[in-house]
Amino acid sequence: MIIGLAIRLTSKGPALFQQQRIGYRGQTFTMYKFRTMRTGVGDETLRELIAAELRGEDTSVNGSYKLDGDSRVTSIGAFLR
C-alpha cells in the first residue's frame, strides 16, 4: 500500500499498470504491476532506439540496451526498477 500511495502522490494516473500476457499453454491472463512510467507520454525515443537496432547499430550503453535516462520513468519508478 505504501508503494501505491507513493506513486499516486508523486505522479498523475493510476498506481497499477495492467497488461494482457500469454501464459502457460497459450492462456491469456491479466498482469498487474506498479506503474513506473508517466502516463500520456509518447514513445518516439524508444521507437528511434529500436529503429537504430534494426539498422544494425550498436545502441548499448555500459552493456545495457535500455534507454539511458528515459524521461518517461517517474522518480518512484526509478527506485522500483
N, C-alpha and C. Protein backbone atom coordinates (compact mmCIF):
# COMPACT_ATOMS: atom_id res chain seq x y z
N MET A 1 0.81 -1.19 0.00
CA MET A 1 0.00 0.00 0.00
C MET A 1 0.86 1.26 0.00
N ILE A 2 2.01 1.19 0.64
CA ILE A 2 2.89 2.35 0.72
C ILE A 2 3.41 2.71 -0.68
N ILE A 3 3.78 1.70 -1.45
CA ILE A 3 4.28 1.95 -2.81
C ILE A 3 3.18 2.57 -3.66
N GLY A 4 1.98 2.01 -3.59
CA GLY A 4 0.86 2.54 -4.36
C GLY A 4 0.56 3.98 -4.00
N LEU A 5 0.59 4.29 -2.73
CA LEU A 5 0.34 5.66 -2.27
C LEU A 5 1.44 6.59 -2.76
N ALA A 6 2.68 6.16 -2.71
CA ALA A 6 3.80 6.98 -3.17
C ALA A 6 3.67 7.28 -4.66
N ILE A 7 3.25 6.30 -5.44
CA ILE A 7 3.07 6.51 -6.87
C ILE A 7 1.96 7.52 -7.12
N ARG A 8 0.86 7.38 -6.42
CA ARG A 8 -0.29 8.28 -6.61
C ARG A 8 0.03 9.71 -6.18
N LEU A 9 0.85 9.87 -5.15
CA LEU A 9 1.17 11.21 -4.65
C LEU A 9 2.20 11.94 -5.51
N THR A 10 3.03 11.20 -6.23
CA THR A 10 4.12 11.83 -6.98
C THR A 10 3.87 11.95 -8.47
N SER A 11 2.82 11.33 -9.00
CA SER A 11 2.53 11.46 -10.43
C SER A 11 1.06 11.21 -10.70
N LYS A 12 0.59 11.78 -11.81
CA LYS A 12 -0.80 11.61 -12.20
C LYS A 12 -1.02 10.20 -12.74
N GLY A 13 -2.22 9.69 -12.56
CA GLY A 13 -2.56 8.39 -13.12
C GLY A 13 -2.70 7.33 -12.04
N PRO A 14 -3.09 6.13 -12.46
CA PRO A 14 -3.31 5.04 -11.52
C PRO A 14 -1.98 4.50 -10.97
N ALA A 15 -2.06 3.84 -9.84
CA ALA A 15 -0.85 3.25 -9.24
C ALA A 15 -0.48 1.93 -9.91
N LEU A 16 -1.48 1.25 -10.45
CA LEU A 16 -1.22 -0.04 -11.08
C LEU A 16 -1.32 0.04 -12.59
N PHE A 17 -0.48 -0.73 -13.25
CA PHE A 17 -0.47 -0.87 -14.70
C PHE A 17 -0.94 -2.28 -14.98
N GLN A 18 -1.87 -2.43 -15.92
CA GLN A 18 -2.32 -3.78 -16.26
C GLN A 18 -2.06 -4.06 -17.72
N GLN A 19 -1.74 -5.33 -18.01
CA GLN A 19 -1.41 -5.71 -19.37
C GLN A 19 -1.80 -7.17 -19.58
N GLN A 20 -2.32 -7.47 -20.77
CA GLN A 20 -2.64 -8.84 -21.11
C GLN A 20 -1.36 -9.56 -21.51
N ARG A 21 -1.15 -10.74 -20.99
CA ARG A 21 0.02 -11.56 -21.32
C ARG A 21 -0.44 -12.96 -21.71
N ILE A 22 0.42 -13.68 -22.36
CA ILE A 22 0.13 -15.06 -22.72
C ILE A 22 0.96 -15.95 -21.82
N GLY A 23 0.29 -16.88 -21.15
CA GLY A 23 0.97 -17.74 -20.20
C GLY A 23 1.01 -19.19 -20.63
N TYR A 24 0.99 -20.04 -19.66
CA TYR A 24 1.08 -21.48 -19.84
C TYR A 24 0.01 -21.99 -20.80
N ARG A 25 0.43 -22.75 -21.79
CA ARG A 25 -0.46 -23.35 -22.80
C ARG A 25 -1.26 -22.31 -23.58
N GLY A 26 -0.68 -21.13 -23.74
CA GLY A 26 -1.31 -20.08 -24.53
C GLY A 26 -2.48 -19.37 -23.87
N GLN A 27 -2.70 -19.63 -22.60
CA GLN A 27 -3.79 -18.98 -21.88
C GLN A 27 -3.43 -17.52 -21.62
N THR A 28 -4.36 -16.62 -21.90
CA THR A 28 -4.11 -15.21 -21.59
C THR A 28 -4.49 -14.92 -20.15
N PHE A 29 -3.79 -13.97 -19.56
CA PHE A 29 -4.09 -13.53 -18.21
C PHE A 29 -3.75 -12.06 -18.09
N THR A 30 -4.31 -11.41 -17.11
CA THR A 30 -4.03 -10.00 -16.86
C THR A 30 -2.97 -9.90 -15.79
N MET A 31 -1.89 -9.19 -16.13
CA MET A 31 -0.79 -8.99 -15.19
C MET A 31 -0.88 -7.57 -14.65
N TYR A 32 -0.70 -7.41 -13.37
CA TYR A 32 -0.72 -6.10 -12.72
C TYR A 32 0.67 -5.80 -12.17
N LYS A 33 1.13 -4.57 -12.42
CA LYS A 33 2.42 -4.13 -11.89
C LYS A 33 2.25 -2.70 -11.39
N PHE A 34 3.13 -2.30 -10.49
CA PHE A 34 3.14 -0.91 -10.10
C PHE A 34 3.60 -0.08 -11.29
N ARG A 35 2.95 1.04 -11.54
CA ARG A 35 3.29 1.90 -12.66
C ARG A 35 4.59 2.63 -12.36
N THR A 36 5.55 2.52 -13.27
CA THR A 36 6.84 3.17 -13.09
C THR A 36 7.09 4.26 -14.12
N MET A 37 6.14 4.44 -15.05
CA MET A 37 6.31 5.44 -16.10
C MET A 37 5.17 6.44 -16.06
N ARG A 38 5.43 7.62 -16.57
CA ARG A 38 4.41 8.65 -16.66
C ARG A 38 3.33 8.21 -17.65
N THR A 39 2.11 8.66 -17.43
CA THR A 39 1.03 8.35 -18.35
C THR A 39 0.91 9.43 -19.40
N GLY A 40 0.48 9.05 -20.59
CA GLY A 40 0.20 10.01 -21.65
C GLY A 40 1.41 10.59 -22.36
N VAL A 41 2.58 10.00 -22.21
CA VAL A 41 3.75 10.50 -22.93
C VAL A 41 4.06 9.56 -24.09
N GLY A 42 4.63 10.11 -25.13
CA GLY A 42 4.92 9.34 -26.33
C GLY A 42 6.11 8.41 -26.18
N ASP A 43 6.26 7.54 -27.16
CA ASP A 43 7.36 6.58 -27.14
C ASP A 43 8.30 6.77 -28.33
N GLU A 44 8.40 8.00 -28.83
CA GLU A 44 9.21 8.27 -30.01
C GLU A 44 10.68 7.91 -29.80
N THR A 45 11.22 8.23 -28.63
CA THR A 45 12.63 7.94 -28.35
C THR A 45 12.88 6.43 -28.38
N LEU A 46 11.96 5.67 -27.82
CA LEU A 46 12.10 4.22 -27.84
C LEU A 46 12.02 3.69 -29.26
N ARG A 47 11.11 4.23 -30.05
CA ARG A 47 10.99 3.81 -31.45
C ARG A 47 12.27 4.11 -32.23
N GLU A 48 12.90 5.25 -31.95
CA GLU A 48 14.17 5.58 -32.60
C GLU A 48 15.26 4.59 -32.21
N LEU A 49 15.29 4.20 -30.94
CA LEU A 49 16.27 3.23 -30.47
C LEU A 49 16.07 1.89 -31.18
N ILE A 50 14.83 1.44 -31.29
CA ILE A 50 14.54 0.17 -31.95
C ILE A 50 14.92 0.23 -33.43
N ALA A 51 14.62 1.36 -34.07
CA ALA A 51 14.98 1.52 -35.49
C ALA A 51 16.49 1.44 -35.68
N ALA A 52 17.24 2.06 -34.78
CA ALA A 52 18.71 2.00 -34.86
C ALA A 52 19.20 0.58 -34.68
N GLU A 53 18.58 -0.18 -33.76
CA GLU A 53 18.97 -1.57 -33.56
C GLU A 53 18.67 -2.40 -34.81
N LEU A 54 17.54 -2.14 -35.45
CA LEU A 54 17.18 -2.87 -36.66
C LEU A 54 18.11 -2.56 -37.83
N ARG A 55 18.70 -1.36 -37.81
CA ARG A 55 19.69 -1.00 -38.83
C ARG A 55 21.05 -1.61 -38.53
N GLY A 56 21.18 -2.28 -37.39
CA GLY A 56 22.43 -2.92 -37.03
C GLY A 56 23.37 -2.06 -36.22
N GLU A 57 22.91 -0.90 -35.78
CA GLU A 57 23.76 -0.01 -34.98
C GLU A 57 23.89 -0.54 -33.56
N ASP A 58 25.05 -0.29 -32.96
CA ASP A 58 25.26 -0.67 -31.56
C ASP A 58 24.63 0.40 -30.67
N THR A 59 23.57 0.04 -29.96
CA THR A 59 22.85 1.00 -29.12
C THR A 59 23.10 0.78 -27.64
N SER A 60 24.04 -0.07 -27.30
CA SER A 60 24.27 -0.36 -25.88
C SER A 60 24.99 0.80 -25.19
N VAL A 61 24.62 1.00 -23.93
CA VAL A 61 25.27 1.99 -23.08
C VAL A 61 25.68 1.26 -21.81
N ASN A 62 26.98 1.13 -21.60
CA ASN A 62 27.52 0.40 -20.44
C ASN A 62 26.94 -1.01 -20.34
N GLY A 63 26.78 -1.67 -21.49
CA GLY A 63 26.30 -3.05 -21.52
C GLY A 63 24.79 -3.20 -21.45
N SER A 64 24.06 -2.10 -21.40
CA SER A 64 22.60 -2.15 -21.32
C SER A 64 22.00 -1.68 -22.64
N TYR A 65 20.93 -2.32 -23.04
CA TYR A 65 20.25 -1.94 -24.28
C TYR A 65 18.95 -1.19 -24.01
N LYS A 66 18.77 -0.69 -22.81
CA LYS A 66 17.60 0.12 -22.48
C LYS A 66 17.91 1.58 -22.78
N LEU A 67 16.85 2.40 -22.79
CA LEU A 67 17.05 3.83 -22.97
C LEU A 67 17.81 4.39 -21.77
N ASP A 68 18.86 5.10 -22.04
CA ASP A 68 19.66 5.70 -20.97
C ASP A 68 18.99 7.00 -20.53
N GLY A 69 18.58 7.08 -19.26
CA GLY A 69 17.95 8.28 -18.75
C GLY A 69 16.57 8.53 -19.35
N ASP A 70 15.76 7.50 -19.45
CA ASP A 70 14.42 7.60 -20.04
C ASP A 70 13.58 8.61 -19.26
N SER A 71 13.16 9.69 -19.92
CA SER A 71 12.41 10.75 -19.25
C SER A 71 10.99 10.33 -18.88
N ARG A 72 10.53 9.19 -19.38
CA ARG A 72 9.18 8.72 -19.06
C ARG A 72 9.10 8.06 -17.70
N VAL A 73 10.24 7.68 -17.13
CA VAL A 73 10.27 6.98 -15.85
C VAL A 73 10.10 7.99 -14.71
N THR A 74 9.19 7.69 -13.78
CA THR A 74 8.95 8.56 -12.63
C THR A 74 10.06 8.38 -11.60
N SER A 75 10.13 9.26 -10.62
CA SER A 75 11.16 9.15 -9.58
C SER A 75 10.95 7.87 -8.76
N ILE A 76 9.71 7.58 -8.40
CA ILE A 76 9.43 6.33 -7.69
C ILE A 76 9.71 5.14 -8.59
N GLY A 77 9.39 5.28 -9.87
CA GLY A 77 9.64 4.22 -10.84
C GLY A 77 11.12 3.89 -10.96
N ALA A 78 11.97 4.91 -10.93
CA ALA A 78 13.41 4.68 -11.00
C ALA A 78 13.88 3.88 -9.78
N PHE A 79 13.32 4.18 -8.62
CA PHE A 79 13.66 3.44 -7.40
C PHE A 79 13.19 1.99 -7.51
N LEU A 80 11.97 1.79 -7.99
CA LEU A 80 11.44 0.43 -8.10
C LEU A 80 12.20 -0.40 -9.13
N ARG A 81 12.63 0.23 -10.20
CA ARG A 81 13.35 -0.52 -11.24
C ARG A 81 14.73 -0.89 -10.77
